[in-house]
PDB file of N, CA and C in Angstrom:
ATOM      1  N   MET A   1       0.755  -1.138   0.012  1.00  0.00           N
ATOM      2  CA  MET A   1      -0.060   0.029  -0.004  1.00  0.00           C
ATOM      3  C   MET A   1       0.955   1.233  -0.067  1.00  0.00           C
ATOM      4  N   LEU A   2       0.597   2.218  -0.679  1.00  0.00           N
ATOM      5  CA  LEU A   2       1.345   3.287  -0.921  1.00  0.00           C
ATOM      6  C   LEU A   2       0.884   4.586   0.191  1.00  0.00           C
ATOM      7  N   GLY A   3      -0.320   4.591   0.635  1.00  0.00           N
ATOM      8  CA  GLY A   3      -0.694   5.503   1.542  1.00  0.00           C
ATOM      9  C   GLY A   3      -1.279   6.805   0.851  1.00  0.00           C
ATOM     10  N   LEU A   4      -1.357   6.675  -0.508  1.00  0.00           N
ATOM     11  CA  LEU A   4      -1.936   7.643  -1.388  1.00  0.00           C
ATOM     12  C   LEU A   4      -2.704   6.947  -2.510  1.00  0.00           C
ATOM     13  N   TYR A   5      -3.496   7.836  -3.274  1.00  0.00           N
ATOM     14  CA  TYR A   5      -4.388   7.339  -4.222  1.00  0.00           C
ATOM     15  C   TYR A   5      -3.762   7.834  -5.617  1.00  0.00           C
ATOM     16  N   VAL A   6      -3.167   6.857  -6.377  1.00  0.00           N
ATOM     17  CA  VAL A   6      -2.581   7.206  -7.661  1.00  0.00           C
ATOM     18  C   VAL A   6      -3.781   7.715  -8.639  1.00  0.00           C
ATOM     19  N   SER A   7      -4.743   7.044  -8.742  1.00  0.00           N
ATOM     20  CA  SER A   7      -5.867   7.368  -9.686  1.00  0.00           C
ATOM     21  C   SER A   7      -6.987   8.145  -9.191  1.00  0.00           C
ATOM     22  N   GLY A   8      -6.936   8.776  -8.092  1.00  0.00           N
ATOM     23  CA  GLY A   8      -8.081   9.418  -7.620  1.00  0.00           C
ATOM     24  C   GLY A   8      -8.559   8.614  -6.287  1.00  0.00           C
ATOM     25  N   HIS A   9      -9.341   9.336  -5.461  1.00  0.00           N
ATOM     26  CA  HIS A   9      -9.821   8.737  -4.321  1.00  0.00           C
ATOM     27  C   HIS A   9     -10.913   7.620  -4.606  1.00  0.00           C
ATOM     28  N   PRO A  10     -10.579   6.362  -4.000  1.00  0.00           N
ATOM     29  CA  PRO A  10     -11.586   5.301  -4.364  1.00  0.00           C
ATOM     30  C   PRO A  10     -13.175   5.500  -4.128  1.00  0.00           C
ATOM     31  N   LEU A  11     -13.520   6.580  -3.319  1.00  0.00           N
ATOM     32  CA  LEU A  11     -14.770   6.662  -3.179  1.00  0.00           C
ATOM     33  C   LEU A  11     -15.333   8.034  -3.802  1.00  0.00           C
ATOM     34  N   ALA A  12     -14.630   8.552  -4.680  1.00  0.00           N
ATOM     35  CA  ALA A  12     -15.026   9.796  -5.373  1.00  0.00           C
ATOM     36  C   ALA A  12     -16.385   9.736  -6.119  1.00  0.00           C
ATOM     37  N   GLU A  13     -16.613   8.523  -6.686  1.00  0.00           N
ATOM     38  CA  GLU A  13     -17.896   8.299  -7.441  1.00  0.00           C
ATOM     39  C   GLU A  13     -19.033   8.336  -6.609  1.00  0.00           C
ATOM     40  N   PHE A  14     -18.861   8.047  -5.261  1.00  0.00           N
ATOM     41  CA  PHE A  14     -19.856   7.895  -4.317  1.00  0.00           C
ATOM     42  C   PHE A  14     -20.079   9.179  -3.469  1.00  0.00           C
ATOM     43  N   ALA A  15     -19.431  10.285  -3.882  1.00  0.00           N
ATOM     44  CA  ALA A  15     -19.423  11.494  -2.895  1.00  0.00           C
ATOM     45  C   ALA A  15     -20.725  11.971  -2.624  1.00  0.00           C
ATOM     46  N   ASP A  16     -21.682  12.144  -3.602  1.00  0.00           N
ATOM     47  CA  ASP A  16     -23.017  12.588  -3.297  1.00  0.00           C
ATOM     48  C   ASP A  16     -23.715  11.718  -2.292  1.00  0.00           C
ATOM     49  N   TYR A  17     -23.715  10.433  -2.383  1.00  0.00           N
ATOM     50  CA  TYR A  17     -24.365   9.609  -1.539  1.00  0.00           C
ATOM     51  C   TYR A  17     -23.783   9.558  -0.172  1.00  0.00           C
ATOM     52  N   LEU A  18     -22.383   9.619  -0.056  1.00  0.00           N
ATOM     53  CA  LEU A  18     -21.686   9.713   1.148  1.00  0.00           C
ATOM     54  C   LEU A  18     -21.953  11.003   1.984  1.00  0.00           C
ATOM     55  N   SER A  19     -22.219  12.067   1.229  1.00  0.00           N
ATOM     56  CA  SER A  19     -22.402  13.287   1.911  1.00  0.00           C
ATOM     57  C   SER A  19     -23.854  13.292   2.748  1.00  0.00           C
ATOM     58  N   ASN A  20     -24.667  12.531   2.338  1.00  0.00           N
ATOM     59  CA  ASN A  20     -26.046  12.330   3.090  1.00  0.00           C
ATOM     60  C   ASN A  20     -25.979  11.451   4.242  1.00  0.00           C
ATOM     61  N   LEU A  21     -24.861  10.652   4.493  1.00  0.00           N
ATOM     62  CA  LEU A  21     -24.812   9.779   5.636  1.00  0.00           C
ATOM     63  C   LEU A  21     -24.398  10.536   6.783  1.00  0.00           C
ATOM     64  N   ASN A  22     -24.633   9.857   7.956  1.00  0.00           N
ATOM     65  CA  ASN A  22     -24.315  10.425   9.254  1.00  0.00           C
ATOM     66  C   ASN A  22     -22.679  10.426   9.426  1.00  0.00           C
ATOM     67  N   THR A  23     -22.263  11.224  10.253  1.00  0.00           N
ATOM     68  CA  THR A  23     -20.853  11.315  10.656  1.00  0.00           C
ATOM     69  C   THR A  23     -20.615  10.652  11.872  1.00  0.00           C
ATOM     70  N   ILE A  24     -19.293   9.963  12.010  1.00  0.00           N
ATOM     71  CA  ILE A  24     -18.845   9.531  13.301  1.00  0.00           C
ATOM     72  C   ILE A  24     -19.153  10.526  14.597  1.00  0.00           C
ATOM     73  N   GLU A  25     -18.907  11.724  14.349  1.00  0.00           N
ATOM     74  CA  GLU A  25     -18.952  12.792  15.372  1.00  0.00           C
ATOM     75  C   GLU A  25     -20.314  12.910  15.748  1.00  0.00           C
ATOM     76  N   ASN A  26     -21.444  12.708  14.927  1.00  0.00           N
ATOM     77  CA  ASN A  26     -22.907  12.895  15.178  1.00  0.00           C
ATOM     78  C   ASN A  26     -23.404  11.759  15.760  1.00  0.00           C
ATOM     79  N   LEU A  27     -22.744  10.497  15.873  1.00  0.00           N
ATOM     80  CA  LEU A  27     -23.414   9.319  16.380  1.00  0.00           C
ATOM     81  C   LEU A  27     -23.551   9.382  17.660  1.00  0.00           C
ATOM     82  N   TYR A  28     -22.875  10.244  18.521  1.00  0.00           N
ATOM     83  CA  TYR A  28     -23.119  10.471  19.935  1.00  0.00           C
ATOM     84  C   TYR A  28     -24.429  10.983  20.294  1.00  0.00           C
ATOM     85  N   GLU A  29     -24.996  11.626  19.315  1.00  0.00           N
ATOM     86  CA  GLU A  29     -26.324  12.425  19.430  1.00  0.00           C
ATOM     87  C   GLU A  29     -27.487  11.413  19.095  1.00  0.00           C
ATOM     88  N   GLU A  30     -27.083  10.141  18.537  1.00  0.00           N
ATOM     89  CA  GLU A  30     -28.261   9.025  18.185  1.00  0.00           C
ATOM     90  C   GLU A  30     -28.531   8.348  19.434  1.00  0.00           C
ATOM     91  N   PRO A  31     -29.714   7.765  19.453  1.00  0.00           N
ATOM     92  CA  PRO A  31     -30.066   6.980  20.543  1.00  0.00           C
ATOM     93  C   PRO A  31     -29.261   5.664  20.675  1.00  0.00           C
ATOM     94  N   ASP A  32     -28.938   5.202  21.867  1.00  0.00           N
ATOM     95  CA  ASP A  32     -28.137   4.009  22.106  1.00  0.00           C
ATOM     96  C   ASP A  32     -28.884   2.801  21.292  1.00  0.00           C
ATOM     97  N   LYS A  33     -28.028   1.956  20.754  1.00  0.00           N
ATOM     98  CA  LYS A  33     -28.447   0.759  20.166  1.00  0.00           C
ATOM     99  C   LYS A  33     -29.434   0.873  18.787  1.00  0.00           C
ATOM    100  N   SER A  34     -29.323   2.188  18.315  1.00  0.00           N
ATOM    101  CA  SER A  34     -30.044   2.502  17.058  1.00  0.00           C
ATOM    102  C   SER A  34     -28.926   2.130  15.897  1.00  0.00           C
ATOM    103  N   THR A  35     -29.579   1.863  14.653  1.00  0.00           N
ATOM    104  CA  THR A  35     -28.719   1.505  13.509  1.00  0.00           C
ATOM    105  C   THR A  35     -28.574   2.774  12.799  1.00  0.00           C
ATOM    106  N   GLN A  36     -27.336   2.813  12.418  1.00  0.00           N
ATOM    107  CA  GLN A  36     -26.769   4.206  11.655  1.00  0.00           C
ATOM    108  C   GLN A  36     -25.899   3.712  10.601  1.00  0.00           C
ATOM    109  N   LEU A  37     -26.004   4.367   9.376  1.00  0.00           N
ATOM    110  CA  LEU A  37     -25.114   4.043   8.279  1.00  0.00           C
ATOM    111  C   LEU A  37     -23.942   5.150   8.168  1.00  0.00           C
ATOM    112  N   ILE A  38     -22.751   4.575   8.105  1.00  0.00           N
ATOM    113  CA  ILE A  38     -21.823   5.539   7.767  1.00  0.00           C
ATOM    114  C   ILE A  38     -20.943   5.076   6.676  1.00  0.00           C
ATOM    115  N   GLY A  39     -20.068   5.697   6.138  1.00  0.00           N
ATOM    116  CA  GLY A  39     -19.129   5.408   5.112  1.00  0.00           C
ATOM    117  C   GLY A  39     -17.828   5.921   5.133  1.00  0.00           C
ATOM    118  N   GLY A  40     -16.812   5.260   4.518  1.00  0.00           N
ATOM    119  CA  GLY A  40     -15.328   5.713   4.586  1.00  0.00           C
ATOM    120  C   GLY A  40     -14.580   4.616   3.999  1.00  0.00           C
ATOM    121  N   VAL A  41     -13.195   4.824   4.111  1.00  0.00           N
ATOM    122  CA  VAL A  41     -12.142   3.947   3.789  1.00  0.00           C
ATOM    123  C   VAL A  41     -11.476   3.230   4.972  1.00  0.00           C
ATOM    124  N   ILE A  42     -11.473   1.900   5.087  1.00  0.00           N
ATOM    125  CA  ILE A  42     -10.853   1.303   6.211  1.00  0.00           C
ATOM    126  C   ILE A  42      -9.364   1.450   6.148  1.00  0.00           C
ATOM    127  N   SER A  43      -8.783   2.175   7.242  1.00  0.00           N
ATOM    128  CA  SER A  43      -7.307   2.375   6.931  1.00  0.00           C
ATOM    129  C   SER A  43      -6.487   1.422   8.022  1.00  0.00           C
ATOM    130  N   LYS A  44      -7.341   0.769   9.051  1.00  0.00           N
ATOM    131  CA  LYS A  44      -6.603  -0.194   9.851  1.00  0.00           C
ATOM    132  C   LYS A  44      -7.638  -1.065  10.239  1.00  0.00           C
ATOM    133  N   LEU A  45      -7.293  -2.396  10.456  1.00  0.00           N
ATOM    134  CA  LEU A  45      -8.186  -3.367  10.982  1.00  0.00           C
ATOM    135  C   LEU A  45      -7.314  -4.224  12.011  1.00  0.00           C
ATOM    136  N   LYS A  46      -7.960  -4.603  13.127  1.00  0.00           N
ATOM    137  CA  LYS A  46      -7.333  -5.388  14.046  1.00  0.00           C
ATOM    138  C   LYS A  46      -8.383  -6.471  14.506  1.00  0.00           C
ATOM    139  N   GLN A  47      -7.823  -7.748  14.664  1.00  0.00           N
ATOM    140  CA  GLN A  47      -8.772  -8.890  14.991  1.00  0.00           C
ATOM    141  C   GLN A  47      -8.278  -9.306  16.576  1.00  0.00           C
ATOM    142  N   ILE A  48      -9.277  -9.416  17.400  1.00  0.00           N
ATOM    143  CA  ILE A  48      -8.776 -10.203  18.628  1.00  0.00           C
ATOM    144  C   ILE A  48      -9.913 -11.268  18.770  1.00  0.00           C
ATOM    145  N   ILE A  49      -9.365 -12.311  19.660  1.00  0.00           N
ATOM    146  CA  ILE A  49     -10.372 -13.357  19.986  1.00  0.00           C
ATOM    147  C   ILE A  49     -10.850 -13.105  21.430  1.00  0.00           C
ATOM    148  N   THR A  50     -12.137 -13.066  21.579  1.00  0.00           N
ATOM    149  CA  THR A  50     -12.670 -12.803  22.915  1.00  0.00           C
ATOM    150  C   THR A  50     -12.553 -14.088  23.840  1.00  0.00           C
ATOM    151  N   LYS A  51     -12.845 -13.961  25.144  1.00  0.00           N
ATOM    152  CA  LYS A  51     -12.701 -15.131  26.056  1.00  0.00           C
ATOM    153  C   LYS A  51     -13.575 -16.188  25.653  1.00  0.00           C
ATOM    154  N   SER A  52     -14.674 -15.782  24.969  1.00  0.00           N
ATOM    155  CA  SER A  52     -15.498 -16.898  24.596  1.00  0.00           C
ATOM    156  C   SER A  52     -15.107 -17.610  23.315  1.00  0.00           C
ATOM    157  N   GLY A  53     -14.056 -17.181  22.616  1.00  0.00           N
ATOM    158  CA  GLY A  53     -13.508 -17.698  21.500  1.00  0.00           C
ATOM    159  C   GLY A  53     -14.099 -17.101  20.203  1.00  0.00           C
ATOM    160  N   GLN A  54     -14.812 -16.105  20.393  1.00  0.00           N
ATOM    161  CA  GLN A  54     -15.451 -15.283  19.171  1.00  0.00           C
ATOM    162  C   GLN A  54     -14.414 -14.108  18.601  1.00  0.00           C
ATOM    163  N   PRO A  55     -14.341 -13.930  17.254  1.00  0.00           N
ATOM    164  CA  PRO A  55     -13.554 -12.968  16.816  1.00  0.00           C
ATOM    165  C   PRO A  55     -14.171 -11.669  17.149  1.00  0.00           C
ATOM    166  N   MET A  56     -13.404 -10.557  17.362  1.00  0.00           N
ATOM    167  CA  MET A  56     -14.014  -9.151  17.465  1.00  0.00           C
ATOM    168  C   MET A  56     -13.065  -8.329  16.764  1.00  0.00           C
ATOM    169  N   TYR A  57     -13.493  -7.366  15.979  1.00  0.00           N
ATOM    170  CA  TYR A  57     -12.701  -6.660  15.202  1.00  0.00           C
ATOM    171  C   TYR A  57     -12.865  -5.024  15.494  1.00  0.00           C
ATOM    172  N   PHE A  58     -11.811  -4.373  15.389  1.00  0.00           N
ATOM    173  CA  PHE A  58     -11.646  -2.980  15.532  1.00  0.00           C
ATOM    174  C   PHE A  58     -11.158  -2.366  14.317  1.00  0.00           C
ATOM    175  N   LEU A  59     -11.652  -1.313  13.922  1.00  0.00           N
ATOM    176  CA  LEU A  59     -11.343  -0.689  12.646  1.00  0.00           C
ATOM    177  C   LEU A  59     -11.159   0.914  12.852  1.00  0.00           C
ATOM    178  N   THR A  60     -10.187   1.379  12.071  1.00  0.00           N
ATOM    179  CA  THR A  60     -10.157   2.818  11.846  1.00  0.00           C
ATOM    180  C   THR A  60     -10.718   3.205  10.605  1.00  0.00           C
ATOM    181  N   LEU A  61     -11.795   4.037  10.533  1.00  0.00           N
ATOM    182  CA  LEU A  61     -12.416   4.474   9.371  1.00  0.00           C
ATOM    183  C   LEU A  61     -11.892   5.939   8.838  1.00  0.00           C
ATOM    184  N   GLY A  62     -11.329   5.945   7.783  1.00  0.00           N
ATOM    185  CA  GLY A  62     -10.899   7.247   7.284  1.00  0.00           C
ATOM    186  C   GLY A  62     -12.086   8.135   6.644  1.00  0.00           C
ATOM    187  N   ARG A  63     -12.063   9.140   6.661  1.00  0.00           N
ATOM    188  CA  ARG A  63     -13.108  10.132   6.250  1.00  0.00           C
ATOM    189  C   ARG A  63     -12.971  10.491   4.715  1.00  0.00           C
ATOM    190  N   PHE A  64     -14.044  10.589   4.208  1.00  0.00           N
ATOM    191  CA  PHE A  64     -13.886  11.070   2.705  1.00  0.00           C
ATOM    192  C   PHE A  64     -14.164  12.552   2.586  1.00  0.00           C
ATOM    193  N   ASN A  65     -13.248  13.291   2.245  1.00  0.00           N
ATOM    194  CA  ASN A  65     -13.301  14.789   2.022  1.00  0.00           C
ATOM    195  C   ASN A  65     -13.264  15.378   0.643  1.00  0.00           C
TER     196      ASN A  65
END
């Protein structure tokens, strides 16, 4: 991975759609356990195994500007 986009941002064609989605900053204003739709580019992914043996994932989501 280069850390930059050679041929343009991979989400550029979805810019209009993504601009209508909620932002991570605004999720704190939403009710607990509500379903929300966000979008972005996953820049980091980490998997752990819980005590019960189930996988759990943590990700860093980059913002589309």
